[in-house]
Amino acid sequence: MRNGKIQRIVLVALFTALTVIGTMIKIPLPTGAFVHLGNAVLLIAVLLLGYSNGSLAGGLGFAIFDLLNGYATEAPYFILESFVVGAAAYGAFRLFKKKPQHVWQLIVIGVVTGLAKLLMTQGKNTVMLWYLGSSFSSAWAAALLKLPATIINVSVTILLVAILYFPLKKAIDRAFRQHI
């Protein structure tokens, strides 16, 4: 039992660090946003560690990234978003009894997760612009213009998870000889 707790702590710490690193690997876009690999790490963490541990790892990783890169005010939001998006991912994961066997199933999980990410991003950007004085309709429209970066991030996430999930699942199962 004690080893299981230690393994979970180690894996949460590992995926937290991987989320930070994945978010630091970024491709800037002309809009000021950037494409990064952190969302893929969050989704893989949820699939391999479960909802709570995976979302915690992703949320902490995003928060650490934000604190280290001048986005400290964004950190609490991204912790919340990790749990909301993680819940969507885990719900889709449960559709396949937490044992996806085919790439198409990972794509379905990725699409559901991506839709949650898009909704969260649209909501956050709308509220921020509305708070700053835009009318609600103007804030909504301006927030829509920021979504292409998120769509690219979601697409990259789906592709990476479809490629990496099965080998990582096998490696973790082999390394820990148990289901996490």
C-alpha atoms as a PDB file:
ATOM      1  CA  MET A   1       0.000   0.000   0.000  1.00  0.00           C
ATOM      2  CA  ARG A   2       2.750   2.435   0.941  1.00  0.00           C
ATOM      3  CA  ASN A   3       4.595   1.753  -2.322  1.00  0.00           C
ATOM      4  CA  GLY A   4       1.417   2.527  -4.265  1.00  0.00           C
ATOM      5  CA  LYS A   5       1.158   5.968  -2.641  1.00  0.00           C
ATOM      6  CA  ILE A   6       4.818   6.685  -3.298  1.00  0.00           C
ATOM      7  CA  GLN A   7       4.426   5.606  -6.929  1.00  0.00           C
ATOM      8  CA  ARG A   8       1.428   7.923  -7.362  1.00  0.00           C
ATOM      9  CA  ILE A   9       3.312  10.856  -5.819  1.00  0.00           C
ATOM     10  CA  VAL A  10       6.292  10.188  -8.073  1.00  0.00           C
ATOM     11  CA  LEU A  11       4.062   9.967 -11.161  1.00  0.00           C
ATOM     12  CA  VAL A  12       2.173  13.156 -10.278  1.00  0.00           C
ATOM     13  CA  ALA A  13       5.512  14.936  -9.799  1.00  0.00           C
ATOM     14  CA  LEU A  14       6.828  13.500 -13.080  1.00  0.00           C
ATOM     15  CA  PHE A  15       3.758  14.572 -15.055  1.00  0.00           C
ATOM     16  CA  THR A  16       3.816  17.992 -13.354  1.00  0.00           C
ATOM     17  CA  ALA A  17       7.383  18.462 -14.571  1.00  0.00           C
ATOM     18  CA  LEU A  18       6.485  17.142 -18.034  1.00  0.00           C
ATOM     19  CA  THR A  19       3.585  19.600 -18.225  1.00  0.00           C
ATOM     20  CA  VAL A  20       5.927  22.492 -17.402  1.00  0.00           C
ATOM     21  CA  ILE A  21       8.435  21.314 -20.015  1.00  0.00           C
ATOM     22  CA  GLY A  22       5.709  20.609 -22.577  1.00  0.00           C
ATOM     23  CA  THR A  23       4.289  24.098 -22.106  1.00  0.00           C
ATOM     24  CA  MET A  24       7.748  25.611 -22.501  1.00  0.00           C
ATOM     25  CA  ILE A  25       8.063  23.930 -25.904  1.00  0.00           C
ATOM     26  CA  LYS A  26       6.064  26.553 -27.716  1.00  0.00           C
ATOM     27  CA  ILE A  27       5.556  27.822 -31.218  1.00  0.00           C
ATOM     28  CA  PRO A  28       4.485  31.478 -31.256  1.00  0.00           C
ATOM     29  CA  LEU A  29       1.564  32.538 -33.412  1.00  0.00           C
ATOM     30  CA  PRO A  30       1.009  36.000 -34.928  1.00  0.00           C
ATOM     31  CA  THR A  31      -1.871  36.592 -32.476  1.00  0.00           C
ATOM     32  CA  GLY A  32       0.498  36.575 -29.482  1.00  0.00           C
ATOM     33  CA  ALA A  33      -0.747  33.131 -28.429  1.00  0.00           C
ATOM     34  CA  PHE A  34       1.365  30.024 -28.832  1.00  0.00           C
ATOM     35  CA  VAL A  35       1.022  26.341 -29.591  1.00  0.00           C
ATOM     36  CA  HIS A  36       2.528  24.089 -26.924  1.00  0.00           C
ATOM     37  CA  LEU A  37       2.644  20.469 -25.802  1.00  0.00           C
ATOM     38  CA  GLY A  38       1.353  20.949 -22.243  1.00  0.00           C
ATOM     39  CA  ASN A  39      -2.240  20.032 -23.101  1.00  0.00           C
ATOM     40  CA  ALA A  40      -1.089  16.699 -24.523  1.00  0.00           C
ATOM     41  CA  VAL A  41       0.745  15.964 -21.278  1.00  0.00           C
ATOM     42  CA  LEU A  42      -2.378  16.821 -19.254  1.00  0.00           C
ATOM     43  CA  LEU A  43      -4.524  14.445 -21.306  1.00  0.00           C
ATOM     44  CA  ILE A  44      -1.970  11.632 -21.112  1.00  0.00           C
ATOM     45  CA  ALA A  45      -1.670  12.213 -17.349  1.00  0.00           C
ATOM     46  CA  VAL A  46      -5.442  11.902 -16.896  1.00  0.00           C
ATOM     47  CA  LEU A  47      -5.519   8.722 -18.987  1.00  0.00           C
ATOM     48  CA  LEU A  48      -2.578   7.120 -17.167  1.00  0.00           C
ATOM     49  CA  LEU A  49      -3.000   8.434 -13.604  1.00  0.00           C
ATOM     50  CA  GLY A  50      -6.752   8.906 -13.363  1.00  0.00           C
ATOM     51  CA  TYR A  51      -8.847  12.038 -13.070  1.00  0.00           C
ATOM     52  CA  SER A  52      -7.640  13.475  -9.753  1.00  0.00           C
ATOM     53  CA  ASN A  53      -3.935  12.741 -10.057  1.00  0.00           C
ATOM     54  CA  GLY A  54      -3.757  13.543 -13.767  1.00  0.00           C
ATOM     55  CA  SER A  55      -5.658  16.820 -13.429  1.00  0.00           C
ATOM     56  CA  LEU A  56      -3.570  17.774 -10.399  1.00  0.00           C
ATOM     57  CA  ALA A  57      -0.343  17.102 -12.317  1.00  0.00           C
ATOM     58  CA  GLY A  58      -1.530  19.157 -15.288  1.00  0.00           C
ATOM     59  CA  GLY A  59      -2.870  21.997 -13.148  1.00  0.00           C
ATOM     60  CA  LEU A  60       0.303  22.232 -11.082  1.00  0.00           C
ATOM     61  CA  GLY A  61       2.429  22.066 -14.227  1.00  0.00           C
ATOM     62  CA  PHE A  62       0.505  24.891 -15.890  1.00  0.00           C
ATOM     63  CA  ALA A  63       0.596  26.957 -12.683  1.00  0.00           C
ATOM     64  CA  ILE A  64       4.361  26.500 -12.303  1.00  0.00           C
ATOM     65  CA  PHE A  65       4.837  27.462 -15.951  1.00  0.00           C
ATOM     66  CA  ASP A  66       2.712  30.574 -15.424  1.00  0.00           C
ATOM     67  CA  LEU A  67       4.591  31.577 -12.270  1.00  0.00           C
ATOM     68  CA  LEU A  68       7.967  31.148 -13.988  1.00  0.00           C
ATOM     69  CA  ASN A  69       6.990  33.022 -17.149  1.00  0.00           C
ATOM     70  CA  GLY A  70       5.196  36.167 -16.003  1.00  0.00           C
ATOM     71  CA  TYR A  71       1.624  34.852 -16.139  1.00  0.00           C
ATOM     72  CA  ALA A  72       1.076  34.551 -12.368  1.00  0.00           C
ATOM     73  CA  THR A  73      -2.443  35.996 -12.570  1.00  0.00           C
ATOM     74  CA  GLU A  74      -3.406  33.180 -14.963  1.00  0.00           C
ATOM     75  CA  ALA A  75      -2.179  30.345 -12.687  1.00  0.00           C
ATOM     76  CA  PRO A  76      -5.387  29.839 -10.637  1.00  0.00           C
ATOM     77  CA  TYR A  77      -7.494  29.738 -13.790  1.00  0.00           C
ATOM     78  CA  PHE A  78      -5.332  27.046 -15.376  1.00  0.00           C
ATOM     79  CA  ILE A  79      -5.533  24.889 -12.259  1.00  0.00           C
ATOM     80  CA  LEU A  80      -9.337  25.109 -12.486  1.00  0.00           C
ATOM     81  CA  GLU A  81      -9.281  24.515 -16.231  1.00  0.00           C
ATOM     82  CA  SER A  82      -7.133  21.402 -15.787  1.00  0.00           C
ATOM     83  CA  PHE A  83      -9.778  19.864 -13.543  1.00  0.00           C
ATOM     84  CA  VAL A  84     -12.674  20.823 -15.846  1.00  0.00           C
ATOM     85  CA  VAL A  85     -10.923  19.629 -18.999  1.00  0.00           C
ATOM     86  CA  GLY A  86      -9.633  16.600 -17.083  1.00  0.00           C
ATOM     87  CA  ALA A  87     -13.221  15.734 -16.108  1.00  0.00           C
ATOM     88  CA  ALA A  88     -14.289  15.806 -19.759  1.00  0.00           C
ATOM     89  CA  ALA A  89     -11.307  13.631 -20.683  1.00  0.00           C
ATOM     90  CA  TYR A  90     -12.016  11.166 -17.898  1.00  0.00           C
ATOM     91  CA  GLY A  91     -15.707  11.009 -18.786  1.00  0.00           C
ATOM     92  CA  ALA A  92     -14.825  10.130 -22.381  1.00  0.00           C
ATOM     93  CA  PHE A  93     -12.202   7.656 -21.115  1.00  0.00           C
ATOM     94  CA  ARG A  94     -14.922   5.913 -19.095  1.00  0.00           C
ATOM     95  CA  LEU A  95     -16.975   5.452 -22.283  1.00  0.00           C
ATOM     96  CA  PHE A  96     -14.327   2.872 -23.196  1.00  0.00           C
ATOM     97  CA  LYS A  97     -14.281   1.361 -19.694  1.00  0.00           C
ATOM     98  CA  LYS A  98     -10.928   3.100 -19.046  1.00  0.00           C
ATOM     99  CA  LYS A  99      -9.266   0.679 -21.466  1.00  0.00           C
ATOM    100  CA  PRO A 100      -9.150   2.144 -24.968  1.00  0.00           C
ATOM    101  CA  GLN A 101      -7.893  -0.486 -27.399  1.00  0.00           C
ATOM    102  CA  HIS A 102      -7.830   1.467 -30.659  1.00  0.00           C
ATOM    103  CA  VAL A 103      -6.459   4.792 -31.876  1.00  0.00           C
ATOM    104  CA  TRP A 104      -9.950   5.905 -32.937  1.00  0.00           C
ATOM    105  CA  GLN A 105     -11.033   5.660 -29.291  1.00  0.00           C
ATOM    106  CA  LEU A 106      -8.172   7.969 -28.281  1.00  0.00           C
ATOM    107  CA  ILE A 107      -9.259  10.372 -31.009  1.00  0.00           C
ATOM    108  CA  VAL A 108     -12.812  10.394 -29.589  1.00  0.00           C
ATOM    109  CA  ILE A 109     -11.402  11.078 -26.111  1.00  0.00           C
ATOM    110  CA  GLY A 110      -9.219  13.821 -27.581  1.00  0.00           C
ATOM    111  CA  VAL A 111     -12.134  15.458 -29.396  1.00  0.00           C
ATOM    112  CA  VAL A 112     -14.285  15.486 -26.233  1.00  0.00           C
ATOM    113  CA  THR A 113     -11.359  16.897 -24.269  1.00  0.00           C
ATOM    114  CA  GLY A 114     -10.709  19.452 -27.001  1.00  0.00           C
ATOM    115  CA  LEU A 115     -14.309  20.640 -26.975  1.00  0.00           C
ATOM    116  CA  ALA A 116     -14.068  21.216 -23.212  1.00  0.00           C
ATOM    117  CA  LYS A 117     -10.815  23.150 -23.740  1.00  0.00           C
ATOM    118  CA  LEU A 118     -12.424  25.281 -26.462  1.00  0.00           C
ATOM    119  CA  LEU A 119     -15.443  26.070 -24.261  1.00  0.00           C
ATOM    120  CA  MET A 120     -13.232  26.988 -21.309  1.00  0.00           C
ATOM    121  CA  THR A 121     -11.016  29.198 -23.472  1.00  0.00           C
ATOM    122  CA  GLN A 122     -13.978  30.939 -25.107  1.00  0.00           C
ATOM    123  CA  GLY A 123     -15.592  31.521 -21.711  1.00  0.00           C
ATOM    124  CA  LYS A 124     -12.397  32.844 -20.102  1.00  0.00           C
ATOM    125  CA  ASN A 125     -11.578  35.177 -22.977  1.00  0.00           C
ATOM    126  CA  THR A 126     -15.164  36.472 -23.166  1.00  0.00           C
ATOM    127  CA  VAL A 127     -15.306  37.179 -19.423  1.00  0.00           C
ATOM    128  CA  MET A 128     -11.911  38.905 -19.468  1.00  0.00           C
ATOM    129  CA  LEU A 129     -12.869  41.179 -22.371  1.00  0.00           C
ATOM    130  CA  TRP A 130     -16.290  41.881 -20.870  1.00  0.00           C
ATOM    131  CA  TYR A 131     -14.680  42.731 -17.536  1.00  0.00           C
ATOM    132  CA  LEU A 132     -12.333  45.129 -19.336  1.00  0.00           C
ATOM    133  CA  GLY A 133     -15.311  47.077 -20.692  1.00  0.00           C
ATOM    134  CA  SER A 134     -16.429  45.466 -23.930  1.00  0.00           C
ATOM    135  CA  SER A 135     -20.096  44.739 -24.445  1.00  0.00           C
ATOM    136  CA  PHE A 136     -20.894  41.072 -24.052  1.00  0.00           C
ATOM    137  CA  SER A 137     -21.474  40.563 -27.794  1.00  0.00           C
ATOM    138  CA  SER A 138     -18.210  42.341 -28.670  1.00  0.00           C
ATOM    139  CA  ALA A 139     -16.345  40.335 -26.037  1.00  0.00           C
ATOM    140  CA  TRP A 140     -17.801  37.076 -27.399  1.00  0.00           C
ATOM    141  CA  ALA A 141     -16.867  37.988 -30.994  1.00  0.00           C
ATOM    142  CA  ALA A 142     -13.338  39.081 -30.045  1.00  0.00           C
ATOM    143  CA  ALA A 143     -12.857  35.896 -28.007  1.00  0.00           C
ATOM    144  CA  LEU A 144     -13.848  33.820 -31.052  1.00  0.00           C
ATOM    145  CA  LEU A 145     -10.979  35.423 -32.964  1.00  0.00           C
ATOM    146  CA  LYS A 146      -8.543  34.002 -30.393  1.00  0.00           C
ATOM    147  CA  LEU A 147      -9.765  30.403 -30.795  1.00  0.00           C
ATOM    148  CA  PRO A 148      -7.588  29.372 -33.777  1.00  0.00           C
ATOM    149  CA  ALA A 149      -4.569  28.962 -31.464  1.00  0.00           C
ATOM    150  CA  THR A 150      -6.621  26.708 -29.199  1.00  0.00           C
ATOM    151  CA  ILE A 151      -7.874  24.714 -32.182  1.00  0.00           C
ATOM    152  CA  ILE A 152      -4.267  24.143 -33.253  1.00  0.00           C
ATOM    153  CA  ASN A 153      -3.326  23.142 -29.679  1.00  0.00           C
ATOM    154  CA  VAL A 154      -6.266  20.716 -29.539  1.00  0.00           C
ATOM    155  CA  SER A 155      -5.295  19.167 -32.892  1.00  0.00           C
ATOM    156  CA  VAL A 156      -1.661  18.728 -31.801  1.00  0.00           C
ATOM    157  CA  THR A 157      -2.874  17.213 -28.518  1.00  0.00           C
ATOM    158  CA  ILE A 158      -5.081  14.650 -30.287  1.00  0.00           C
ATOM    159  CA  LEU A 159      -2.239  13.666 -32.621  1.00  0.00           C
ATOM    160  CA  LEU A 160       0.351  13.308 -29.839  1.00  0.00           C
ATOM    161  CA  VAL A 161      -1.962  11.354 -27.538  1.00  0.00           C
ATOM    162  CA  ALA A 162      -2.917   9.000 -30.386  1.00  0.00           C
ATOM    163  CA  ILE A 163       0.799   8.309 -30.981  1.00  0.00           C
ATOM    164  CA  LEU A 164       2.086   8.228 -27.396  1.00  0.00           C
ATOM    165  CA  TYR A 165      -0.650   6.733 -25.206  1.00  0.00           C
ATOM    166  CA  PHE A 166      -0.224   3.020 -25.953  1.00  0.00           C
ATOM    167  CA  PRO A 167       3.600   2.939 -25.630  1.00  0.00           C
ATOM    168  CA  LEU A 168       3.500   5.044 -22.435  1.00  0.00           C
ATOM    169  CA  LYS A 169       0.723   2.903 -20.940  1.00  0.00           C
ATOM    170  CA  LYS A 170       2.742  -0.234 -21.623  1.00  0.00           C
ATOM    171  CA  ALA A 171       5.918   1.291 -20.150  1.00  0.00           C
ATOM    172  CA  ILE A 172       4.211   2.505 -16.972  1.00  0.00           C
ATOM    173  CA  ASP A 173       2.390  -0.791 -16.477  1.00  0.00           C
ATOM    174  CA  ARG A 174       5.672  -2.644 -16.917  1.00  0.00           C
ATOM    175  CA  ALA A 175       7.598  -0.292 -14.632  1.00  0.00           C
ATOM    176  CA  PHE A 176       5.091  -0.408 -11.785  1.00  0.00           C
ATOM    177  CA  ARG A 177       3.578  -3.843 -12.423  1.00  0.00           C
ATOM    178  CA  GLN A 178       0.123  -2.592 -11.495  1.00  0.00           C
ATOM    179  CA  HIS A 179      -2.711  -0.441 -12.734  1.00  0.00           C
ATOM    180  CA  ILE A 180      -2.471   3.083 -11.362  1.00  0.00           C
END
